């Protein structure tokens, strides 16, 4: 099975697409070392953009 799993690609209403994907697809953080912060995830620490929220 290649690519993202079904759960990672289908966030529920009200969830941020990017945060959901990074939480449920292990490949999103594959290139990071143990305990290394994800620069993409860090951009959402102050809140997720409204454009990324599932309506």
PDB file of N, CA and C in Angstrom:
ATOM      1  N   UNK A   1       0.850  -1.182   0.000  1.00  0.00           N
ATOM      2  CA  UNK A   1       0.000   0.000   0.000  1.00  0.00           C
ATOM      3  C   UNK A   1       0.887   1.234   0.000  1.00  0.00           C
ATOM      4  N   UNK A   2       0.832   2.029  -1.034  1.00  0.00           N
ATOM      5  CA  UNK A   2       1.648   3.220  -1.106  1.00  0.00           C
ATOM      6  C   UNK A   2       0.851   4.473  -0.823  1.00  0.00           C
ATOM      7  N   UNK A   3       1.531   5.493  -0.387  1.00  0.00           N
ATOM      8  CA  UNK A   3       0.876   6.774  -0.159  1.00  0.00           C
ATOM      9  C   UNK A   3       0.149   6.843   1.171  1.00  0.00           C
ATOM     10  N   UNK A   4      -0.619   7.885   1.297  1.00  0.00           N
ATOM     11  CA  UNK A   4      -1.337   8.138   2.540  1.00  0.00           C
ATOM     12  C   UNK A   4      -2.489   7.159   2.733  1.00  0.00           C
ATOM     13  N   UNK A   5      -2.797   6.883   3.985  1.00  0.00           N
ATOM     14  CA  UNK A   5      -3.919   6.001   4.259  1.00  0.00           C
ATOM     15  C   UNK A   5      -5.240   6.769   4.154  1.00  0.00           C
ATOM     16  N   UNK A   6      -6.324   6.047   4.103  1.00  0.00           N
ATOM     17  CA  UNK A   6      -7.654   6.627   3.897  1.00  0.00           C
ATOM     18  C   UNK A   6      -8.022   7.619   4.996  1.00  0.00           C
ATOM     19  N   UNK A   7      -7.700   7.298   6.239  1.00  0.00           N
ATOM     20  CA  UNK A   7      -8.046   8.195   7.353  1.00  0.00           C
ATOM     21  C   UNK A   7      -7.306   9.525   7.228  1.00  0.00           C
ATOM     22  N   UNK A   8      -6.050   9.490   6.837  1.00  0.00           N
ATOM     23  CA  UNK A   8      -5.252  10.709   6.723  1.00  0.00           C
ATOM     24  C   UNK A   8      -5.793  11.643   5.644  1.00  0.00           C
ATOM     25  N   UNK A   9      -6.409  11.079   4.632  1.00  0.00           N
ATOM     26  CA  UNK A   9      -6.908  11.878   3.513  1.00  0.00           C
ATOM     27  C   UNK A   9      -8.341  12.362   3.686  1.00  0.00           C
ATOM     28  N   UNK A  10      -8.983  11.959   4.772  1.00  0.00           N
ATOM     29  CA  UNK A  10     -10.389  12.308   4.976  1.00  0.00           C
ATOM     30  C   UNK A  10     -10.632  12.909   6.359  1.00  0.00           C
ATOM     31  N   UNK A  11     -10.196  14.145   6.570  1.00  0.00           N
ATOM     32  CA  UNK A  11     -10.412  14.769   7.877  1.00  0.00           C
ATOM     33  C   UNK A  11     -11.892  15.060   8.109  1.00  0.00           C
ATOM     34  N   UNK A  12     -12.330  15.017   9.361  1.00  0.00           N
ATOM     35  CA  UNK A  12     -13.732  15.310   9.654  1.00  0.00           C
ATOM     36  C   UNK A  12     -14.015  16.809   9.585  1.00  0.00           C
ATOM     37  N   UNK A  13     -15.251  17.142   9.525  1.00  0.00           N
ATOM     38  CA  UNK A  13     -15.686  18.530   9.505  1.00  0.00           C
ATOM     39  C   UNK A  13     -15.132  19.259  10.738  1.00  0.00           C
ATOM     40  N   UNK A  14     -14.567  20.433  10.515  1.00  0.00           N
ATOM     41  CA  UNK A  14     -14.014  21.234  11.600  1.00  0.00           C
ATOM     42  C   UNK A  14     -12.525  21.015  11.841  1.00  0.00           C
ATOM     43  N   UNK A  15     -11.936  19.994  11.211  1.00  0.00           N
ATOM     44  CA  UNK A  15     -10.511  19.703  11.390  1.00  0.00           C
ATOM     45  C   UNK A  15      -9.679  20.413  10.331  1.00  0.00           C
ATOM     46  N   UNK A  16      -8.446  20.696  10.676  1.00  0.00           N
ATOM     47  CA  UNK A  16      -7.498  21.279   9.726  1.00  0.00           C
ATOM     48  C   UNK A  16      -6.951  20.148   8.852  1.00  0.00           C
ATOM     49  N   UNK A  17      -7.021  20.321   7.544  1.00  0.00           N
ATOM     50  CA  UNK A  17      -6.549  19.278   6.625  1.00  0.00           C
ATOM     51  C   UNK A  17      -5.082  18.933   6.856  1.00  0.00           C
ATOM     52  N   UNK A  18      -4.234  19.945   7.014  1.00  0.00           N
ATOM     53  CA  UNK A  18      -2.802  19.716   7.185  1.00  0.00           C
ATOM     54  C   UNK A  18      -2.511  19.028   8.514  1.00  0.00           C
ATOM     55  N   UNK A  19      -3.096  19.521   9.587  1.00  0.00           N
ATOM     56  CA  UNK A  19      -2.842  18.926  10.899  1.00  0.00           C
ATOM     57  C   UNK A  19      -3.345  17.485  10.952  1.00  0.00           C
ATOM     58  N   UNK A  20      -4.507  17.239  10.369  1.00  0.00           N
ATOM     59  CA  UNK A  20      -5.073  15.893  10.342  1.00  0.00           C
ATOM     60  C   UNK A  20      -4.147  14.956   9.564  1.00  0.00           C
ATOM     61  N   UNK A  21      -3.702  15.406   8.402  1.00  0.00           N
ATOM     62  CA  UNK A  21      -2.820  14.586   7.585  1.00  0.00           C
ATOM     63  C   UNK A  21      -1.529  14.251   8.340  1.00  0.00           C
ATOM     64  N   UNK A  22      -0.930  15.258   8.970  1.00  0.00           N
ATOM     65  CA  UNK A  22       0.320  15.038   9.692  1.00  0.00           C
ATOM     66  C   UNK A  22       0.126  14.166  10.932  1.00  0.00           C
ATOM     67  N   UNK A  23      -1.072  14.142  11.476  1.00  0.00           N
ATOM     68  CA  UNK A  23      -1.349  13.304  12.639  1.00  0.00           C
ATOM     69  C   UNK A  23      -1.578  11.839  12.255  1.00  0.00           C
ATOM     70  N   UNK A  24      -2.134  11.594  11.061  1.00  0.00           N
ATOM     71  CA  UNK A  24      -2.536  10.238  10.702  1.00  0.00           C
ATOM     72  C   UNK A  24      -1.740   9.575   9.581  1.00  0.00           C
ATOM     73  N   UNK A  25      -0.796  10.274   8.977  1.00  0.00           N
ATOM     74  CA  UNK A  25       0.036   9.644   7.948  1.00  0.00           C
ATOM     75  C   UNK A  25       1.492   9.679   8.410  1.00  0.00           C
ATOM     76  N   UNK A  26       2.022   8.544   8.740  1.00  0.00           N
ATOM     77  CA  UNK A  26       3.385   8.455   9.265  1.00  0.00           C
ATOM     78  C   UNK A  26       4.433   8.994   8.290  1.00  0.00           C
ATOM     79  N   UNK A  27       4.147   8.937   7.012  1.00  0.00           N
ATOM     80  CA  UNK A  27       5.098   9.399   6.010  1.00  0.00           C
ATOM     81  C   UNK A  27       5.307  10.919   6.067  1.00  0.00           C
ATOM     82  N   UNK A  28       4.379  11.641   6.662  1.00  0.00           N
ATOM     83  CA  UNK A  28       4.491  13.104   6.741  1.00  0.00           C
ATOM     84  C   UNK A  28       5.743  13.524   7.511  1.00  0.00           C
ATOM     85  N   UNK A  29       6.158  12.717   8.476  1.00  0.00           N
ATOM     86  CA  UNK A  29       7.320  13.045   9.299  1.00  0.00           C
ATOM     87  C   UNK A  29       8.490  12.080   9.084  1.00  0.00           C
ATOM     88  N   UNK A  30       8.424  11.320   8.021  1.00  0.00           N
ATOM     89  CA  UNK A  30       9.420  10.278   7.761  1.00  0.00           C
ATOM     90  C   UNK A  30      10.853  10.805   7.694  1.00  0.00           C
ATOM     91  N   UNK A  31      11.070  11.957   7.107  1.00  0.00           N
ATOM     92  CA  UNK A  31      12.423  12.469   6.944  1.00  0.00           C
ATOM     93  C   UNK A  31      13.007  13.154   8.175  1.00  0.00           C
ATOM     94  N   UNK A  32      12.205  13.269   9.226  1.00  0.00           N
ATOM     95  CA  UNK A  32      12.678  13.942  10.437  1.00  0.00           C
ATOM     96  C   UNK A  32      13.409  12.970  11.354  1.00  0.00           C
ATOM     97  N   UNK A  33      14.383  13.473  12.065  1.00  0.00           N
ATOM     98  CA  UNK A  33      15.073  12.672  13.066  1.00  0.00           C
ATOM     99  C   UNK A  33      14.190  12.589  14.306  1.00  0.00           C
ATOM    100  N   UNK A  34      14.474  11.626  15.182  1.00  0.00           N
ATOM    101  CA  UNK A  34      13.717  11.481  16.404  1.00  0.00           C
ATOM    102  C   UNK A  34      13.756  12.790  17.178  1.00  0.00           C
ATOM    103  N   UNK A  35      12.624  13.236  17.619  1.00  0.00           N
ATOM    104  CA  UNK A  35      12.470  14.436  18.435  1.00  0.00           C
ATOM    105  C   UNK A  35      12.752  15.735  17.670  1.00  0.00           C
ATOM    106  N   UNK A  36      12.870  15.683  16.354  1.00  0.00           N
ATOM    107  CA  UNK A  36      13.068  16.875  15.538  1.00  0.00           C
ATOM    108  C   UNK A  36      11.702  17.469  15.215  1.00  0.00           C
ATOM    109  N   UNK A  37      11.509  18.758  15.447  1.00  0.00           N
ATOM    110  CA  UNK A  37      10.202  19.350  15.157  1.00  0.00           C
ATOM    111  C   UNK A  37       9.939  19.436  13.656  1.00  0.00           C
ATOM    112  N   UNK A  38       8.694  19.289  13.297  1.00  0.00           N
ATOM    113  CA  UNK A  38       8.290  19.387  11.900  1.00  0.00           C
ATOM    114  C   UNK A  38       8.052  20.860  11.567  1.00  0.00           C
ATOM    115  N   UNK A  39       8.794  21.424  10.616  1.00  0.00           N
ATOM    116  CA  UNK A  39       8.621  22.828  10.280  1.00  0.00           C
ATOM    117  C   UNK A  39       7.221  23.145   9.749  1.00  0.00           C
ATOM    118  N   UNK A  40       6.599  22.198   9.074  1.00  0.00           N
ATOM    119  CA  UNK A  40       5.244  22.412   8.567  1.00  0.00           C
ATOM    120  C   UNK A  40       4.246  22.468   9.724  1.00  0.00           C
ATOM    121  N   UNK A  41       4.397  21.578  10.684  1.00  0.00           N
ATOM    122  CA  UNK A  41       3.506  21.575  11.848  1.00  0.00           C
ATOM    123  C   UNK A  41       3.704  22.833  12.689  1.00  0.00           C
ATOM    124  N   UNK A  42       4.927  23.294  12.782  1.00  0.00           N
ATOM    125  CA  UNK A  42       5.210  24.488  13.581  1.00  0.00           C
ATOM    126  C   UNK A  42       4.477  25.721  13.056  1.00  0.00           C
ATOM    127  N   UNK A  43       4.189  25.760  11.761  1.00  0.00           N
ATOM    128  CA  UNK A  43       3.481  26.916  11.211  1.00  0.00           C
ATOM    129  C   UNK A  43       2.042  26.989  11.722  1.00  0.00           C
ATOM    130  N   UNK A  44       1.540  25.914  12.300  1.00  0.00           N
ATOM    131  CA  UNK A  44       0.166  25.894  12.799  1.00  0.00           C
ATOM    132  C   UNK A  44       0.077  26.010  14.321  1.00  0.00           C
ATOM    133  N   UNK A  45       1.180  26.220  14.998  1.00  0.00           N
ATOM    134  CA  UNK A  45       1.162  26.331  16.456  1.00  0.00           C
ATOM    135  C   UNK A  45       0.320  27.509  16.933  1.00  0.00           C
ATOM    136  N   UNK A  46       0.332  28.587  16.207  1.00  0.00           N
ATOM    137  CA  UNK A  46      -0.451  29.761  16.581  1.00  0.00           C
ATOM    138  C   UNK A  46      -1.896  29.672  16.121  1.00  0.00           C
ATOM    139  N   UNK A  47      -2.248  28.595  15.469  1.00  0.00           N
ATOM    140  CA  UNK A  47      -3.597  28.397  14.955  1.00  0.00           C
ATOM    141  C   UNK A  47      -3.558  28.013  13.492  1.00  0.00           C
ATOM    142  N   UNK A  48      -4.553  27.325  13.075  1.00  0.00           N
ATOM    143  CA  UNK A  48      -4.639  26.872  11.691  1.00  0.00           C
ATOM    144  C   UNK A  48      -5.351  27.933  10.845  1.00  0.00           C
ATOM    145  N   UNK A  49      -4.922  28.091   9.597  1.00  0.00           N
ATOM    146  CA  UNK A  49      -5.603  29.055   8.720  1.00  0.00           C
ATOM    147  C   UNK A  49      -7.036  28.579   8.429  1.00  0.00           C
ATOM    148  N   UNK A  50      -7.938  29.521   8.379  1.00  0.00           N
ATOM    149  CA  UNK A  50      -9.349  29.183   8.134  1.00  0.00           C
ATOM    150  C   UNK A  50      -9.539  28.468   6.797  1.00  0.00           C
ATOM    151  N   UNK A  51      -8.672  28.761   5.845  1.00  0.00           N
ATOM    152  CA  UNK A  51      -8.785  28.130   4.526  1.00  0.00           C
ATOM    153  C   UNK A  51      -8.489  26.631   4.574  1.00  0.00           C
ATOM    154  N   UNK A  52      -7.814  26.162   5.617  1.00  0.00           N
ATOM    155  CA  UNK A  52      -7.479  24.748   5.731  1.00  0.00           C
ATOM    156  C   UNK A  52      -8.474  23.927   6.527  1.00  0.00           C
ATOM    157  N   UNK A  53      -9.475  24.580   7.093  1.00  0.00           N
ATOM    158  CA  UNK A  53     -10.452  23.881   7.921  1.00  0.00           C
ATOM    159  C   UNK A  53     -11.541  23.276   7.032  1.00  0.00           C
ATOM    160  N   UNK A  54     -11.860  22.010   7.294  1.00  0.00           N
ATOM    161  CA  UNK A  54     -12.905  21.320   6.542  1.00  0.00           C
ATOM    162  C   UNK A  54     -14.253  21.889   6.964  1.00  0.00           C
ATOM    163  N   UNK A  55     -15.040  22.257   5.987  1.00  0.00           N
ATOM    164  CA  UNK A  55     -16.376  22.821   6.277  1.00  0.00           C
ATOM    165  C   UNK A  55     -17.457  21.818   5.984  1.00  0.00           C
TER     166      UNK A  55
END
